[in-house]
Amino acid sequence: MNKTKAKFRLYWPLIKSLQTALLMTTGLAGYLSARCPVATRPTMLGLALSLFLTISGSTILNMWYDRDIDAKMGRTKKRPLPSGTLDANEALRLGLIVSIIGVGIAVWMDALYGLIIFGGLFIDVVVYTIWLKRKTAWAIVWGGISGGMPILAGRALGLGTIDWIGIALMLAILFWIPTHILTFSMRYHEDYKAAGVPTFPSTYGFQFTRITIAVSSVLAAIFIGSAAYGIGTDWGYLRLMAVLSGGLFILAIASIFKPSEQVNFGLFKYASLYMLSSMILLMF
């Protein structure tokens, strides 16, 4: 039993639980935007399980591939793989097994849903992490597309098809991710520089990065607002979403004209809270 607990403690950091939970929430929100949850609890359980396994599996595979650059960054060098406390081959096997089971459940539930889930995993691991992350700062676009796949997949599972609302929701996630990731890359600019990973701050400078964050924040709010209106969200919820979007925009503008470590990290934290709150409102 103690050995199992020890393994669990090593494995758990590999899945980035907060990130996984947030992406799972978007998938559930996409599904609930299309179907009544009362009559579909078994499907929701399958949805949650397939999302958890697939997202966790892709994150583990990313951690496995990036263990060399993680070892060069102060904030990541103590993770199980770069620190050597977990065997790389063991992590690779775990990531593959968890990913295959997650995609398998998704395909068993619905072919279109499974295809989108697999597409998200492929883009995240192969296109983003293996192919582009170490070559171009624009890799985050592909990372954003993979991040938008859970909500598109959830919506498609509920409808049986892909509609404009599902695409708008995916685009909202795509444009939200720069607000989150680029702010993070400014805070840990030196870490990424030491690891040799190109970022917007190192490639285009901090001011251009802040402008990109502001523009992407506005686009994220527009797309999520359009999708919420298309779903038929109550005006009370729409007004609340507008207030949340306004807070995001104000912080983004502040980061341009009054940049500081406090403002930048405040935007980073608020971006996650904004997306989580928006997803909860869509569920209701």
C-alpha atoms as a PDB file:
ATOM      1  CA  MET A   1       0.000   0.000   0.000  1.00  0.00           C
ATOM      2  CA  ASN A   2       2.820   2.397   0.879  1.00  0.00           C
ATOM      3  CA  LYS A   3       4.494   1.589  -2.451  1.00  0.00           C
ATOM      4  CA  THR A   4       1.259   2.410  -4.311  1.00  0.00           C
ATOM      5  CA  LYS A   5       0.971   5.728  -2.504  1.00  0.00           C
ATOM      6  CA  ALA A   6       4.571   6.540  -3.326  1.00  0.00           C
ATOM      7  CA  LYS A   7       3.968   5.821  -7.024  1.00  0.00           C
ATOM      8  CA  PHE A   8       0.812   7.912  -7.007  1.00  0.00           C
ATOM      9  CA  ARG A   9       2.739  10.850  -5.548  1.00  0.00           C
ATOM     10  CA  LEU A  10       5.266  10.539  -8.369  1.00  0.00           C
ATOM     11  CA  TYR A  11       2.660  10.167 -11.097  1.00  0.00           C
ATOM     12  CA  TRP A  12       0.268  12.923  -9.959  1.00  0.00           C
ATOM     13  CA  PRO A  13       2.495  15.920 -10.837  1.00  0.00           C
ATOM     14  CA  LEU A  14       2.844  14.516 -14.369  1.00  0.00           C
ATOM     15  CA  ILE A  15      -0.765  15.318 -15.252  1.00  0.00           C
ATOM     16  CA  LYS A  16      -0.793  18.981 -14.149  1.00  0.00           C
ATOM     17  CA  SER A  17      -4.038  18.437 -12.263  1.00  0.00           C
ATOM     18  CA  LEU A  18      -5.278  22.051 -12.317  1.00  0.00           C
ATOM     19  CA  GLN A  19      -4.754  22.357 -16.072  1.00  0.00           C
ATOM     20  CA  THR A  20      -6.392  18.971 -16.632  1.00  0.00           C
ATOM     21  CA  ALA A  21      -9.373  19.923 -14.462  1.00  0.00           C
ATOM     22  CA  LEU A  22      -9.859  23.187 -16.349  1.00  0.00           C
ATOM     23  CA  LEU A  23      -9.786  21.467 -19.754  1.00  0.00           C
ATOM     24  CA  MET A  24     -12.182  18.785 -18.473  1.00  0.00           C
ATOM     25  CA  THR A  25     -14.521  21.564 -17.354  1.00  0.00           C
ATOM     26  CA  THR A  26     -14.525  23.046 -20.849  1.00  0.00           C
ATOM     27  CA  GLY A  27     -15.415  19.644 -22.309  1.00  0.00           C
ATOM     28  CA  LEU A  28     -18.292  19.188 -19.874  1.00  0.00           C
ATOM     29  CA  ALA A  29     -19.474  22.738 -20.583  1.00  0.00           C
ATOM     30  CA  GLY A  30     -19.473  21.997 -24.315  1.00  0.00           C
ATOM     31  CA  TYR A  31     -21.567  18.893 -23.756  1.00  0.00           C
ATOM     32  CA  LEU A  32     -24.008  20.526 -21.350  1.00  0.00           C
ATOM     33  CA  SER A  33     -24.514  23.368 -23.815  1.00  0.00           C
ATOM     34  CA  ALA A  34     -26.141  20.820 -26.132  1.00  0.00           C
ATOM     35  CA  ARG A  35     -27.882  18.267 -23.887  1.00  0.00           C
ATOM     36  CA  CYS A  36     -29.889  18.093 -20.663  1.00  0.00           C
ATOM     37  CA  PRO A  37     -27.646  16.518 -18.008  1.00  0.00           C
ATOM     38  CA  VAL A  38     -30.494  14.872 -16.076  1.00  0.00           C
ATOM     39  CA  ALA A  39     -31.104  12.170 -18.711  1.00  0.00           C
ATOM     40  CA  THR A  40     -27.485  11.614 -19.695  1.00  0.00           C
ATOM     41  CA  ARG A  41     -25.515  10.948 -16.504  1.00  0.00           C
ATOM     42  CA  PRO A  42     -23.815   7.747 -17.806  1.00  0.00           C
ATOM     43  CA  THR A  43     -22.679   9.645 -20.895  1.00  0.00           C
ATOM     44  CA  MET A  44     -21.364  12.477 -18.746  1.00  0.00           C
ATOM     45  CA  LEU A  45     -19.383  10.001 -16.661  1.00  0.00           C
ATOM     46  CA  GLY A  46     -17.906   8.491 -19.819  1.00  0.00           C
ATOM     47  CA  LEU A  47     -17.173  11.975 -21.109  1.00  0.00           C
ATOM     48  CA  ALA A  48     -15.400  12.959 -17.896  1.00  0.00           C
ATOM     49  CA  LEU A  49     -13.377   9.731 -17.776  1.00  0.00           C
ATOM     50  CA  SER A  50     -12.300   9.865 -21.426  1.00  0.00           C
ATOM     51  CA  LEU A  51     -11.330  13.521 -21.107  1.00  0.00           C
ATOM     52  CA  PHE A  52      -9.414  12.955 -17.888  1.00  0.00           C
ATOM     53  CA  LEU A  53      -7.449  10.028 -19.314  1.00  0.00           C
ATOM     54  CA  THR A  54      -6.717  11.596 -22.698  1.00  0.00           C
ATOM     55  CA  ILE A  55      -5.711  14.994 -21.312  1.00  0.00           C
ATOM     56  CA  SER A  56      -3.636  13.360 -18.576  1.00  0.00           C
ATOM     57  CA  GLY A  57      -2.005  11.015 -21.086  1.00  0.00           C
ATOM     58  CA  SER A  58      -1.041  13.820 -23.450  1.00  0.00           C
ATOM     59  CA  THR A  59       0.363  15.850 -20.555  1.00  0.00           C
ATOM     60  CA  ILE A  60       2.453  12.893 -19.369  1.00  0.00           C
ATOM     61  CA  LEU A  61       3.811  12.392 -22.892  1.00  0.00           C
ATOM     62  CA  ASN A  62       4.658  16.098 -23.085  1.00  0.00           C
ATOM     63  CA  MET A  63       6.432  15.874 -19.733  1.00  0.00           C
ATOM     64  CA  TRP A  64       8.353  12.851 -20.973  1.00  0.00           C
ATOM     65  CA  TYR A  65       9.493  14.559 -24.175  1.00  0.00           C
ATOM     66  CA  ASP A  66      10.327  17.879 -22.481  1.00  0.00           C
ATOM     67  CA  ARG A  67      12.261  16.410 -19.548  1.00  0.00           C
ATOM     68  CA  ASP A  68      15.552  17.704 -20.953  1.00  0.00           C
ATOM     69  CA  ILE A  69      14.442  21.339 -21.168  1.00  0.00           C
ATOM     70  CA  ASP A  70      12.583  21.056 -17.851  1.00  0.00           C
ATOM     71  CA  ALA A  71      15.925  20.161 -16.258  1.00  0.00           C
ATOM     72  CA  LYS A  72      17.302  23.548 -17.385  1.00  0.00           C
ATOM     73  CA  MET A  73      14.525  25.663 -15.836  1.00  0.00           C
ATOM     74  CA  GLY A  74      14.419  26.579 -12.174  1.00  0.00           C
ATOM     75  CA  ARG A  75      10.652  26.191 -11.806  1.00  0.00           C
ATOM     76  CA  THR A  76      10.543  22.717 -13.412  1.00  0.00           C
ATOM     77  CA  LYS A  77      13.852  21.018 -12.629  1.00  0.00           C
ATOM     78  CA  LYS A  78      12.428  19.373  -9.494  1.00  0.00           C
ATOM     79  CA  ARG A  79       9.649  17.593 -11.387  1.00  0.00           C
ATOM     80  CA  PRO A  80       9.817  13.763 -11.186  1.00  0.00           C
ATOM     81  CA  LEU A  81      11.319  13.245 -14.666  1.00  0.00           C
ATOM     82  CA  PRO A  82      14.037  15.934 -14.870  1.00  0.00           C
ATOM     83  CA  SER A  83      15.025  15.267 -11.250  1.00  0.00           C
ATOM     84  CA  GLY A  84      15.438  11.551 -11.975  1.00  0.00           C
ATOM     85  CA  THR A  85      13.009  10.364  -9.295  1.00  0.00           C
ATOM     86  CA  LEU A  86      10.871   8.688 -11.966  1.00  0.00           C
ATOM     87  CA  ASP A  87      12.188   6.525 -14.795  1.00  0.00           C
ATOM     88  CA  ALA A  88      11.584   8.046 -18.250  1.00  0.00           C
ATOM     89  CA  ASN A  89      10.557   4.731 -19.844  1.00  0.00           C
ATOM     90  CA  GLU A  90       8.056   4.132 -17.074  1.00  0.00           C
ATOM     91  CA  ALA A  91       6.521   7.566 -17.675  1.00  0.00           C
ATOM     92  CA  LEU A  92       6.395   6.924 -21.436  1.00  0.00           C
ATOM     93  CA  ARG A  93       4.556   3.632 -20.917  1.00  0.00           C
ATOM     94  CA  LEU A  94       2.130   5.284 -18.514  1.00  0.00           C
ATOM     95  CA  GLY A  95       1.425   8.134 -20.921  1.00  0.00           C
ATOM     96  CA  LEU A  96       0.817   5.804 -23.863  1.00  0.00           C
ATOM     97  CA  ILE A  97      -1.433   3.439 -21.898  1.00  0.00           C
ATOM     98  CA  VAL A  98      -3.522   6.237 -20.360  1.00  0.00           C
ATOM     99  CA  SER A  99      -3.856   7.997 -23.732  1.00  0.00           C
ATOM    100  CA  ILE A 100      -4.892   4.824 -25.580  1.00  0.00           C
ATOM    101  CA  ILE A 101      -7.513   3.961 -22.958  1.00  0.00           C
ATOM    102  CA  GLY A 102      -8.879   7.513 -23.004  1.00  0.00           C
ATOM    103  CA  VAL A 103      -9.152   7.658 -26.806  1.00  0.00           C
ATOM    104  CA  GLY A 104     -10.562   4.108 -26.846  1.00  0.00           C
ATOM    105  CA  ILE A 105     -13.385   5.090 -24.480  1.00  0.00           C
ATOM    106  CA  ALA A 106     -14.071   8.207 -26.560  1.00  0.00           C
ATOM    107  CA  VAL A 107     -14.285   6.214 -29.827  1.00  0.00           C
ATOM    108  CA  TRP A 108     -16.510   3.626 -28.148  1.00  0.00           C
ATOM    109  CA  MET A 109     -18.882   6.385 -27.031  1.00  0.00           C
ATOM    110  CA  ASP A 110     -19.087   8.117 -30.422  1.00  0.00           C
ATOM    111  CA  ALA A 111     -16.891   8.050 -33.537  1.00  0.00           C
ATOM    112  CA  LEU A 112     -16.920  11.829 -34.128  1.00  0.00           C
ATOM    113  CA  TYR A 113     -16.239  12.545 -30.473  1.00  0.00           C
ATOM    114  CA  GLY A 114     -13.368  10.061 -30.491  1.00  0.00           C
ATOM    115  CA  LEU A 115     -11.901  11.570 -33.667  1.00  0.00           C
ATOM    116  CA  ILE A 116     -11.867  15.070 -32.176  1.00  0.00           C
ATOM    117  CA  ILE A 117     -10.344  13.791 -28.916  1.00  0.00           C
ATOM    118  CA  PHE A 118      -7.631  11.949 -30.840  1.00  0.00           C
ATOM    119  CA  GLY A 119      -7.032  15.053 -32.967  1.00  0.00           C
ATOM    120  CA  GLY A 120      -6.493  17.130 -29.845  1.00  0.00           C
ATOM    121  CA  LEU A 121      -4.004  14.624 -28.446  1.00  0.00           C
ATOM    122  CA  PHE A 122      -2.120  14.372 -31.759  1.00  0.00           C
ATOM    123  CA  ILE A 123      -1.881  18.148 -32.190  1.00  0.00           C
ATOM    124  CA  ASP A 124      -0.768  18.651 -28.596  1.00  0.00           C
ATOM    125  CA  VAL A 125       1.891  15.934 -28.463  1.00  0.00           C
ATOM    126  CA  VAL A 126       3.142  15.606 -32.033  1.00  0.00           C
ATOM    127  CA  VAL A 127       2.530  18.989 -33.685  1.00  0.00           C
ATOM    128  CA  TYR A 128       2.960  21.318 -30.713  1.00  0.00           C
ATOM    129  CA  THR A 129       5.418  19.617 -28.373  1.00  0.00           C
ATOM    130  CA  ILE A 130       7.562  17.456 -30.646  1.00  0.00           C
ATOM    131  CA  TRP A 131       7.538  19.451 -33.888  1.00  0.00           C
ATOM    132  CA  LEU A 132       7.098  23.171 -33.141  1.00  0.00           C
ATOM    133  CA  LYS A 133       7.644  24.090 -29.485  1.00  0.00           C
ATOM    134  CA  ARG A 134      11.428  24.279 -29.757  1.00  0.00           C
ATOM    135  CA  LYS A 135      11.382  25.950 -33.177  1.00  0.00           C
ATOM    136  CA  THR A 136       8.940  28.858 -33.099  1.00  0.00           C
ATOM    137  CA  ALA A 137       7.107  31.070 -30.627  1.00  0.00           C
ATOM    138  CA  TRP A 138       3.987  30.597 -32.776  1.00  0.00           C
ATOM    139  CA  ALA A 139       3.731  27.020 -31.558  1.00  0.00           C
ATOM    140  CA  ILE A 140       1.256  28.325 -28.979  1.00  0.00           C
ATOM    141  CA  VAL A 141      -1.328  28.668 -31.773  1.00  0.00           C
ATOM    142  CA  TRP A 142      -1.294  24.899 -32.220  1.00  0.00           C
ATOM    143  CA  GLY A 143      -1.261  24.469 -28.467  1.00  0.00           C
ATOM    144  CA  GLY A 144      -4.357  26.656 -28.383  1.00  0.00           C
ATOM    145  CA  ILE A 145      -6.102  24.535 -31.008  1.00  0.00           C
ATOM    146  CA  SER A 146      -5.458  21.374 -29.003  1.00  0.00           C
ATOM    147  CA  GLY A 147      -6.679  23.169 -25.876  1.00  0.00           C
ATOM    148  CA  GLY A 148      -9.941  23.990 -27.678  1.00  0.00           C
ATOM    149  CA  MET A 149     -10.598  20.388 -28.717  1.00  0.00           C
ATOM    150  CA  PRO A 150     -12.240  19.232 -25.434  1.00  0.00           C
ATOM    151  CA  ILE A 151     -15.012  21.839 -25.621  1.00  0.00           C
ATOM    152  CA  LEU A 152     -15.541  21.165 -29.352  1.00  0.00           C
ATOM    153  CA  ALA A 153     -15.638  17.434 -28.652  1.00  0.00           C
ATOM    154  CA  GLY A 154     -18.134  17.838 -25.801  1.00  0.00           C
ATOM    155  CA  ARG A 155     -20.445  19.923 -27.972  1.00  0.00           C
ATOM    156  CA  ALA A 156     -20.129  17.446 -30.857  1.00  0.00           C
ATOM    157  CA  LEU A 157     -20.943  14.540 -28.532  1.00  0.00           C
ATOM    158  CA  GLY A 158     -24.116  16.282 -27.422  1.00  0.00           C
ATOM    159  CA  LEU A 159     -25.268  17.235 -30.930  1.00  0.00           C
ATOM    160  CA  GLY A 160     -23.826  14.406 -33.007  1.00  0.00           C
ATOM    161  CA  THR A 161     -22.259  16.973 -35.328  1.00  0.00           C
ATOM    162  CA  ILE A 162     -20.002  20.046 -35.377  1.00  0.00           C
ATOM    163  CA  ASP A 163     -21.812  23.396 -35.480  1.00  0.00           C
ATOM    164  CA  TRP A 164     -20.733  27.044 -35.511  1.00  0.00           C
ATOM    165  CA  ILE A 165     -21.272  27.356 -31.766  1.00  0.00           C
ATOM    166  CA  GLY A 166     -18.827  24.529 -31.095  1.00  0.00           C
ATOM    167  CA  ILE A 167     -16.264  26.191 -33.370  1.00  0.00           C
ATOM    168  CA  ALA A 168     -16.816  29.555 -31.646  1.00  0.00           C
ATOM    169  CA  LEU A 169     -16.257  27.912 -28.261  1.00  0.00           C
ATOM    170  CA  MET A 170     -13.070  26.299 -29.540  1.00  0.00           C
ATOM    171  CA  LEU A 171     -11.856  29.669 -30.852  1.00  0.00           C
ATOM    172  CA  ALA A 172     -12.628  31.252 -27.474  1.00  0.00           C
ATOM    173  CA  ILE A 173     -10.241  28.776 -25.848  1.00  0.00           C
ATOM    174  CA  LEU A 174      -7.697  29.306 -28.631  1.00  0.00           C
ATOM    175  CA  PHE A 175      -7.610  33.070 -27.983  1.00  0.00           C
ATOM    176  CA  TRP A 176      -7.778  32.682 -24.210  1.00  0.00           C
ATOM    177  CA  ILE A 177      -4.620  30.561 -24.128  1.00  0.00           C
ATOM    178  CA  PRO A 178      -2.249  33.424 -25.152  1.00  0.00           C
ATOM    179  CA  THR A 179      -3.624  35.463 -22.251  1.00  0.00           C
ATOM    180  CA  HIS A 180      -2.646  32.619 -19.970  1.00  0.00           C
ATOM    181  CA  ILE A 181       0.553  31.301 -21.559  1.00  0.00           C
ATOM    182  CA  LEU A 182       2.129  34.559 -22.767  1.00  0.00           C
ATOM    183  CA  THR A 183       1.720  36.144 -19.349  1.00  0.00           C
ATOM    184  CA  PHE A 184       3.370  33.076 -17.893  1.00  0.00           C
ATOM    185  CA  SER A 185       6.213  33.269 -20.425  1.00  0.00           C
ATOM    186  CA  MET A 186       6.922  36.874 -19.443  1.00  0.00           C
ATOM    187  CA  ARG A 187       7.182  35.986 -15.777  1.00  0.00           C
ATOM    188  CA  TYR A 188       9.548  33.080 -16.459  1.00  0.00           C
ATOM    189  CA  HIS A 189      11.345  34.690 -19.385  1.00  0.00           C
ATOM    190  CA  GLU A 190      14.802  33.763 -18.110  1.00  0.00           C
ATOM    191  CA  ASP A 191      13.804  30.127 -17.550  1.00  0.00           C
ATOM    192  CA  TYR A 192      12.633  29.719 -21.143  1.00  0.00           C
ATOM    193  CA  LYS A 193      15.733  31.534 -22.395  1.00  0.00           C
ATOM    194  CA  ALA A 194      17.982  29.162 -20.424  1.00  0.00           C
ATOM    195  CA  ALA A 195      16.143  26.183 -21.914  1.00  0.00           C
ATOM    196  CA  GLY A 196      16.393  27.549 -25.455  1.00  0.00           C
ATOM    197  CA  VAL A 197      12.624  27.594 -25.981  1.00  0.00           C
ATOM    198  CA  PRO A 198      11.483  30.486 -28.243  1.00  0.00           C
ATOM    199  CA  THR A 199       8.715  32.598 -26.727  1.00  0.00           C
ATOM    200  CA  PHE A 200       6.937  35.799 -27.728  1.00  0.00           C
ATOM    201  CA  PRO A 201       8.881  37.893 -25.158  1.00  0.00           C
ATOM    202  CA  SER A 202      12.250  36.580 -26.391  1.00  0.00           C
ATOM    203  CA  THR A 203      11.305  36.794 -30.089  1.00  0.00           C
ATOM    204  CA  TYR A 204       9.238  39.991 -30.311  1.00  0.00           C
ATOM    205  CA  GLY A 205       9.775  41.752 -26.989  1.00  0.00           C
ATOM    206  CA  PHE A 206       7.596  42.362 -23.968  1.00  0.00           C
ATOM    207  CA  GLN A 207       5.548  45.230 -25.387  1.00  0.00           C
ATOM    208  CA  PHE A 208       4.455  43.279 -28.477  1.00  0.00           C
ATOM    209  CA  THR A 209       3.634  40.349 -26.194  1.00  0.00           C
ATOM    210  CA  ARG A 210       1.423  42.552 -24.008  1.00  0.00           C
ATOM    211  CA  ILE A 211      -0.416  43.898 -27.067  1.00  0.00           C
ATOM    212  CA  THR A 212      -0.937  40.334 -28.305  1.00  0.00           C
ATOM    213  CA  ILE A 213      -2.396  39.404 -24.913  1.00  0.00           C
ATOM    214  CA  ALA A 214      -4.800  42.372 -25.006  1.00  0.00           C
ATOM    215  CA  VAL A 215      -5.991  41.584 -28.554  1.00  0.00           C
ATOM    216  CA  SER A 216      -6.411  37.871 -27.832  1.00  0.00           C
ATOM    217  CA  SER A 217      -8.352  38.683 -24.642  1.00  0.00           C
ATOM    218  CA  VAL A 218     -10.846  40.761 -26.617  1.00  0.00           C
ATOM    219  CA  LEU A 219     -11.212  38.036 -29.254  1.00  0.00           C
ATOM    220  CA  ALA A 220     -11.709  35.361 -26.579  1.00  0.00           C
ATOM    221  CA  ALA A 221     -14.481  37.432 -24.991  1.00  0.00           C
ATOM    222  CA  ILE A 222     -16.145  38.039 -28.371  1.00  0.00           C
ATOM    223  CA  PHE A 223     -16.176  34.370 -29.326  1.00  0.00           C
ATOM    224  CA  ILE A 224     -17.374  33.082 -25.973  1.00  0.00           C
ATOM    225  CA  GLY A 225     -20.041  35.803 -25.857  1.00  0.00           C
ATOM    226  CA  SER A 226     -21.203  34.940 -29.393  1.00  0.00           C
ATOM    227  CA  ALA A 227     -21.405  31.247 -28.522  1.00  0.00           C
ATOM    228  CA  ALA A 228     -23.311  31.953 -25.309  1.00  0.00           C
ATOM    229  CA  TYR A 229     -25.796  34.106 -27.227  1.00  0.00           C
ATOM    230  CA  GLY A 230     -26.164  31.417 -29.905  1.00  0.00           C
ATOM    231  CA  ILE A 231     -26.893  28.791 -27.266  1.00  0.00           C
ATOM    232  CA  GLY A 232     -29.672  30.986 -25.912  1.00  0.00           C
ATOM    233  CA  THR A 233     -28.037  31.852 -22.600  1.00  0.00           C
ATOM    234  CA  ASP A 234     -30.228  33.920 -20.274  1.00  0.00           C
ATOM    235  CA  TRP A 235     -29.564  37.672 -20.376  1.00  0.00           C
ATOM    236  CA  GLY A 236     -28.630  37.666 -16.702  1.00  0.00           C
ATOM    237  CA  TYR A 237     -25.820  35.208 -17.362  1.00  0.00           C
ATOM    238  CA  LEU A 238     -24.768  37.137 -20.470  1.00  0.00           C
ATOM    239  CA  ARG A 239     -24.455  40.336 -18.452  1.00  0.00           C
ATOM    240  CA  LEU A 240     -22.357  38.532 -15.854  1.00  0.00           C
ATOM    241  CA  MET A 241     -20.111  37.151 -18.611  1.00  0.00           C
ATOM    242  CA  ALA A 242     -19.764  40.696 -19.991  1.00  0.00           C
ATOM    243  CA  VAL A 243     -18.609  41.913 -16.564  1.00  0.00           C
ATOM    244  CA  LEU A 244     -16.056  39.091 -16.358  1.00  0.00           C
ATOM    245  CA  SER A 245     -14.842  39.887 -19.883  1.00  0.00           C
ATOM    246  CA  GLY A 246     -14.523  43.541 -18.937  1.00  0.00           C
ATOM    247  CA  GLY A 247     -12.251  42.628 -16.030  1.00  0.00           C
ATOM    248  CA  LEU A 248     -10.060  40.577 -18.344  1.00  0.00           C
ATOM    249  CA  PHE A 249      -9.827  43.420 -20.842  1.00  0.00           C
ATOM    250  CA  ILE A 250      -9.005  46.029 -18.166  1.00  0.00           C
ATOM    251  CA  LEU A 251      -6.153  43.894 -16.824  1.00  0.00           C
ATOM    252  CA  ALA A 252      -4.861  43.314 -20.368  1.00  0.00           C
ATOM    253  CA  ILE A 253      -4.869  47.065 -21.089  1.00  0.00           C
ATOM    254  CA  ALA A 254      -3.192  47.753 -17.737  1.00  0.00           C
ATOM    255  CA  SER A 255      -0.445  45.308 -18.657  1.00  0.00           C
ATOM    256  CA  ILE A 256       0.289  47.431 -21.760  1.00  0.00           C
ATOM    257  CA  PHE A 257       0.268  50.911 -20.248  1.00  0.00           C
ATOM    258  CA  LYS A 258       1.266  50.145 -16.655  1.00  0.00           C
ATOM    259  CA  PRO A 259       3.251  46.926 -16.896  1.00  0.00           C
ATOM    260  CA  SER A 260       4.500  45.357 -13.681  1.00  0.00           C
ATOM    261  CA  GLU A 261       5.135  41.908 -12.261  1.00  0.00           C
ATOM    262  CA  GLN A 262       2.021  42.256 -10.095  1.00  0.00           C
ATOM    263  CA  VAL A 263      -0.253  43.252 -12.991  1.00  0.00           C
ATOM    264  CA  ASN A 264       1.143  40.567 -15.293  1.00  0.00           C
ATOM    265  CA  PHE A 265       0.711  37.761 -12.784  1.00  0.00           C
ATOM    266  CA  GLY A 266      -2.693  39.117 -11.775  1.00  0.00           C
ATOM    267  CA  LEU A 267      -3.730  38.801 -15.422  1.00  0.00           C
ATOM    268  CA  PHE A 268      -2.313  35.267 -15.518  1.00  0.00           C
ATOM    269  CA  LYS A 269      -4.420  34.204 -12.525  1.00  0.00           C
ATOM    270  CA  TYR A 270      -7.523  36.102 -13.612  1.00  0.00           C
ATOM    271  CA  ALA A 271      -7.424  34.504 -17.075  1.00  0.00           C
ATOM    272  CA  SER A 272      -7.859  31.041 -15.548  1.00  0.00           C
ATOM    273  CA  LEU A 273     -10.603  32.271 -13.209  1.00  0.00           C
ATOM    274  CA  TYR A 274     -12.319  33.982 -16.143  1.00  0.00           C
ATOM    275  CA  MET A 275     -12.399  30.860 -18.279  1.00  0.00           C
ATOM    276  CA  LEU A 276     -13.509  28.617 -15.407  1.00  0.00           C
ATOM    277  CA  SER A 277     -16.311  31.056 -14.496  1.00  0.00           C
ATOM    278  CA  SER A 278     -17.426  31.315 -18.128  1.00  0.00           C
ATOM    279  CA  MET A 279     -17.576  27.535 -18.433  1.00  0.00           C
ATOM    280  CA  ILE A 280     -19.651  27.244 -15.255  1.00  0.00           C
ATOM    281  CA  LEU A 281     -22.061  29.889 -16.555  1.00  0.00           C
ATOM    282  CA  LEU A 282     -22.393  27.971 -19.836  1.00  0.00           C
ATOM    283  CA  MET A 283     -23.220  24.804 -17.857  1.00  0.00           C
ATOM    284  CA  PHE A 284     -26.087  26.564 -16.125  1.00  0.00           C
END
